[in-house]
Structure formats: C-alpha cells, structure tokens
Amino acid sequence: MPPDEAELGYRLRQAAWGRGYATEGSRALLEKAFTELAVRTVWAATMAVNHGSRRIMEKLGMTLADTLPTPSDMEMVEGSEQRGVRYEITEEQWKQR
C-alpha cells in the first residue's frame, strides 16, 4: 500500500449497530488522515451484501471504486457469492463535501 493511502475499518458488536458509532468514529479518522497524516486516499472494503457498512461509507462521501473477489476464508459466509466492494475517498473529495 502506498504511504499516502490508508484503509478505514471498523467492527462493532451487534448491540452497537445503528447508533452512529461507526459513522462518527470514521468521520474523525478521515479528518485526522487528511489534515494531520498527509493521506491522499482512504479506502474501505466490505461484502457487497453488507448494506449497513456500505451506507456508512456513502454517508462519509466515499464512492464505489471496485468489486473484489471473496477471500477464501469468507466463502462460507452467507452472501459471499456476491463478492466484495471497495469504496474510496480522496483528500480533494473530502474537502469538497
């Protein structure tokens, strides 16, 4: 991974879903990445069927950039046949939001 690129990820217990924690935390991490760490692009990946995470990425201003193959260790997960997705946001896109 290039030094000016960062991956955004989060994992919450189901009891914390829908409370805005992932969105709020991710917004803070994007701000730090683009204002303090000289990051130019932040990306995040999830399963195509994970509509909750995809919605968070969209709320953050990230856009769908690519589809991804399902990792072999995830092939038993329901929905894995639909593959994965990668979302991205650049520093310029973040500034314009």
C-alpha atoms as a PDB file:
ATOM      1  CA  MET A   1       0.000   0.000   0.000  1.00  0.00           C
ATOM      2  CA  PRO A   2       1.390   3.448  -0.869  1.00  0.00           C
ATOM      3  CA  PRO A   3       2.354   5.562   2.173  1.00  0.00           C
ATOM      4  CA  ASP A   4      -0.222   8.234   1.280  1.00  0.00           C
ATOM      5  CA  GLU A   5      -3.087   5.706   1.209  1.00  0.00           C
ATOM      6  CA  ALA A   6      -4.920   4.325   4.248  1.00  0.00           C
ATOM      7  CA  GLU A   7      -7.535   1.664   4.883  1.00  0.00           C
ATOM      8  CA  LEU A   8     -10.549   2.527   7.022  1.00  0.00           C
ATOM      9  CA  GLY A   9     -12.081  -0.290   9.012  1.00  0.00           C
ATOM     10  CA  TYR A  10     -14.349  -0.829  11.978  1.00  0.00           C
ATOM     11  CA  ARG A  11     -16.000  -3.721  13.730  1.00  0.00           C
ATOM     12  CA  LEU A  12     -18.776  -3.315  16.274  1.00  0.00           C
ATOM     13  CA  ARG A  13     -20.781  -5.705  18.369  1.00  0.00           C
ATOM     14  CA  GLN A  14     -24.314  -6.085  17.046  1.00  0.00           C
ATOM     15  CA  ALA A  15     -25.704  -4.308  20.122  1.00  0.00           C
ATOM     16  CA  ALA A  16     -23.874  -1.151  18.945  1.00  0.00           C
ATOM     17  CA  TRP A  17     -25.206  -1.226  15.376  1.00  0.00           C
ATOM     18  CA  GLY A  18     -27.413   1.660  14.282  1.00  0.00           C
ATOM     19  CA  ARG A  19     -26.205   4.080  16.953  1.00  0.00           C
ATOM     20  CA  GLY A  20     -23.892   6.129  14.750  1.00  0.00           C
ATOM     21  CA  TYR A  21     -20.641   4.967  16.340  1.00  0.00           C
ATOM     22  CA  ALA A  22     -19.075   3.721  13.092  1.00  0.00           C
ATOM     23  CA  THR A  23     -20.047   6.876  11.229  1.00  0.00           C
ATOM     24  CA  GLU A  24     -18.847   9.228  13.972  1.00  0.00           C
ATOM     25  CA  GLY A  25     -15.573   7.383  14.511  1.00  0.00           C
ATOM     26  CA  SER A  26     -14.919   7.109  10.791  1.00  0.00           C
ATOM     27  CA  ARG A  27     -15.522  10.830  10.262  1.00  0.00           C
ATOM     28  CA  ALA A  28     -12.933  11.602  12.938  1.00  0.00           C
ATOM     29  CA  LEU A  29     -10.432   9.205  11.358  1.00  0.00           C
ATOM     30  CA  LEU A  30     -10.939  10.730   7.905  1.00  0.00           C
ATOM     31  CA  GLU A  31     -10.347  14.200   9.321  1.00  0.00           C
ATOM     32  CA  LYS A  32      -7.127  13.069  11.012  1.00  0.00           C
ATOM     33  CA  ALA A  33      -5.949  11.274   7.868  1.00  0.00           C
ATOM     34  CA  PHE A  34      -6.490  14.267   5.616  1.00  0.00           C
ATOM     35  CA  THR A  35      -5.443  17.085   7.990  1.00  0.00           C
ATOM     36  CA  GLU A  36      -2.610  15.585  10.037  1.00  0.00           C
ATOM     37  CA  LEU A  37      -1.253  12.452   8.363  1.00  0.00           C
ATOM     38  CA  ALA A  38      -0.754  13.572   4.730  1.00  0.00           C
ATOM     39  CA  VAL A  39      -3.002  10.805   3.424  1.00  0.00           C
ATOM     40  CA  ARG A  40      -4.328  11.393  -0.108  1.00  0.00           C
ATOM     41  CA  THR A  41      -6.758   8.459  -0.399  1.00  0.00           C
ATOM     42  CA  VAL A  42      -8.692   6.428   2.160  1.00  0.00           C
ATOM     43  CA  TRP A  43     -10.414   3.199   1.146  1.00  0.00           C
ATOM     44  CA  ALA A  44     -12.645   0.653   2.837  1.00  0.00           C
ATOM     45  CA  ALA A  45     -13.892  -2.768   1.786  1.00  0.00           C
ATOM     46  CA  THR A  46     -16.863  -4.906   2.783  1.00  0.00           C
ATOM     47  CA  MET A  47     -19.051  -7.669   1.433  1.00  0.00           C
ATOM     48  CA  ALA A  48     -21.477  -6.499  -1.237  1.00  0.00           C
ATOM     49  CA  VAL A  49     -24.394  -7.700   0.923  1.00  0.00           C
ATOM     50  CA  ASN A  50     -23.303  -5.632   3.949  1.00  0.00           C
ATOM     51  CA  HIS A  51     -25.706  -2.769   3.295  1.00  0.00           C
ATOM     52  CA  GLY A  52     -25.102  -1.184   6.713  1.00  0.00           C
ATOM     53  CA  SER A  53     -21.388  -0.699   6.128  1.00  0.00           C
ATOM     54  CA  ARG A  54     -21.966   0.398   2.560  1.00  0.00           C
ATOM     55  CA  ARG A  55     -24.408   3.057   3.798  1.00  0.00           C
ATOM     56  CA  ILE A  56     -21.833   4.342   6.299  1.00  0.00           C
ATOM     57  CA  MET A  57     -19.201   4.603   3.560  1.00  0.00           C
ATOM     58  CA  GLU A  58     -21.652   6.546   1.409  1.00  0.00           C
ATOM     59  CA  LYS A  59     -22.526   8.883   4.318  1.00  0.00           C
ATOM     60  CA  LEU A  60     -18.801   9.609   4.620  1.00  0.00           C
ATOM     61  CA  GLY A  61     -18.688  10.684   0.975  1.00  0.00           C
ATOM     62  CA  MET A  62     -16.872   7.577  -0.178  1.00  0.00           C
ATOM     63  CA  THR A  63     -17.736   6.252  -3.625  1.00  0.00           C
ATOM     64  CA  LEU A  64     -17.817   2.750  -5.020  1.00  0.00           C
ATOM     65  CA  ALA A  65     -14.474   2.163  -6.729  1.00  0.00           C
ATOM     66  CA  ASP A  66     -14.284  -1.563  -7.445  1.00  0.00           C
ATOM     67  CA  THR A  67     -15.632  -5.036  -6.837  1.00  0.00           C
ATOM     68  CA  LEU A  68     -13.419  -7.536  -5.060  1.00  0.00           C
ATOM     69  CA  PRO A  69     -13.127 -11.314  -5.077  1.00  0.00           C
ATOM     70  CA  THR A  70     -14.293 -13.124  -1.965  1.00  0.00           C
ATOM     71  CA  PRO A  71     -11.331 -14.204   0.194  1.00  0.00           C
ATOM     72  CA  SER A  72     -11.171 -17.973   0.605  1.00  0.00           C
ATOM     73  CA  ASP A  73     -11.682 -17.708   4.387  1.00  0.00           C
ATOM     74  CA  MET A  74     -15.004 -15.882   3.793  1.00  0.00           C
ATOM     75  CA  GLU A  75     -16.524 -18.257   1.236  1.00  0.00           C
ATOM     76  CA  MET A  76     -18.743 -19.938   3.842  1.00  0.00           C
ATOM     77  CA  VAL A  77     -20.377 -16.631   4.851  1.00  0.00           C
ATOM     78  CA  GLU A  78     -23.891 -16.069   3.544  1.00  0.00           C
ATOM     79  CA  GLY A  79     -23.795 -13.661   0.603  1.00  0.00           C
ATOM     80  CA  SER A  80     -20.135 -14.269  -0.190  1.00  0.00           C
ATOM     81  CA  GLU A  81     -21.047 -15.315  -3.728  1.00  0.00           C
ATOM     82  CA  GLN A  82     -21.892 -11.648  -4.390  1.00  0.00           C
ATOM     83  CA  ARG A  83     -18.257 -10.750  -3.773  1.00  0.00           C
ATOM     84  CA  GLY A  84     -16.926  -7.652  -2.062  1.00  0.00           C
ATOM     85  CA  VAL A  85     -16.836  -3.941  -2.776  1.00  0.00           C
ATOM     86  CA  ARG A  86     -14.230  -1.232  -2.303  1.00  0.00           C
ATOM     87  CA  TYR A  87     -15.140   2.374  -1.580  1.00  0.00           C
ATOM     88  CA  GLU A  88     -12.715   5.299  -1.717  1.00  0.00           C
ATOM     89  CA  ILE A  89     -12.460   8.973  -0.916  1.00  0.00           C
ATOM     90  CA  THR A  90      -9.629  11.308  -1.850  1.00  0.00           C
ATOM     91  CA  GLU A  91      -8.446  14.293   0.111  1.00  0.00           C
ATOM     92  CA  GLU A  92      -9.910  16.565  -2.581  1.00  0.00           C
ATOM     93  CA  GLN A  93     -13.332  14.839  -2.388  1.00  0.00           C
ATOM     94  CA  TRP A  94     -13.256  15.068   1.412  1.00  0.00           C
ATOM     95  CA  LYS A  95     -12.535  18.815   1.276  1.00  0.00           C
ATOM     96  CA  GLN A  96     -15.440  19.383  -1.139  1.00  0.00           C
ATOM     97  CA  ARG A  97     -18.079  17.531   0.897  1.00  0.00           C
END
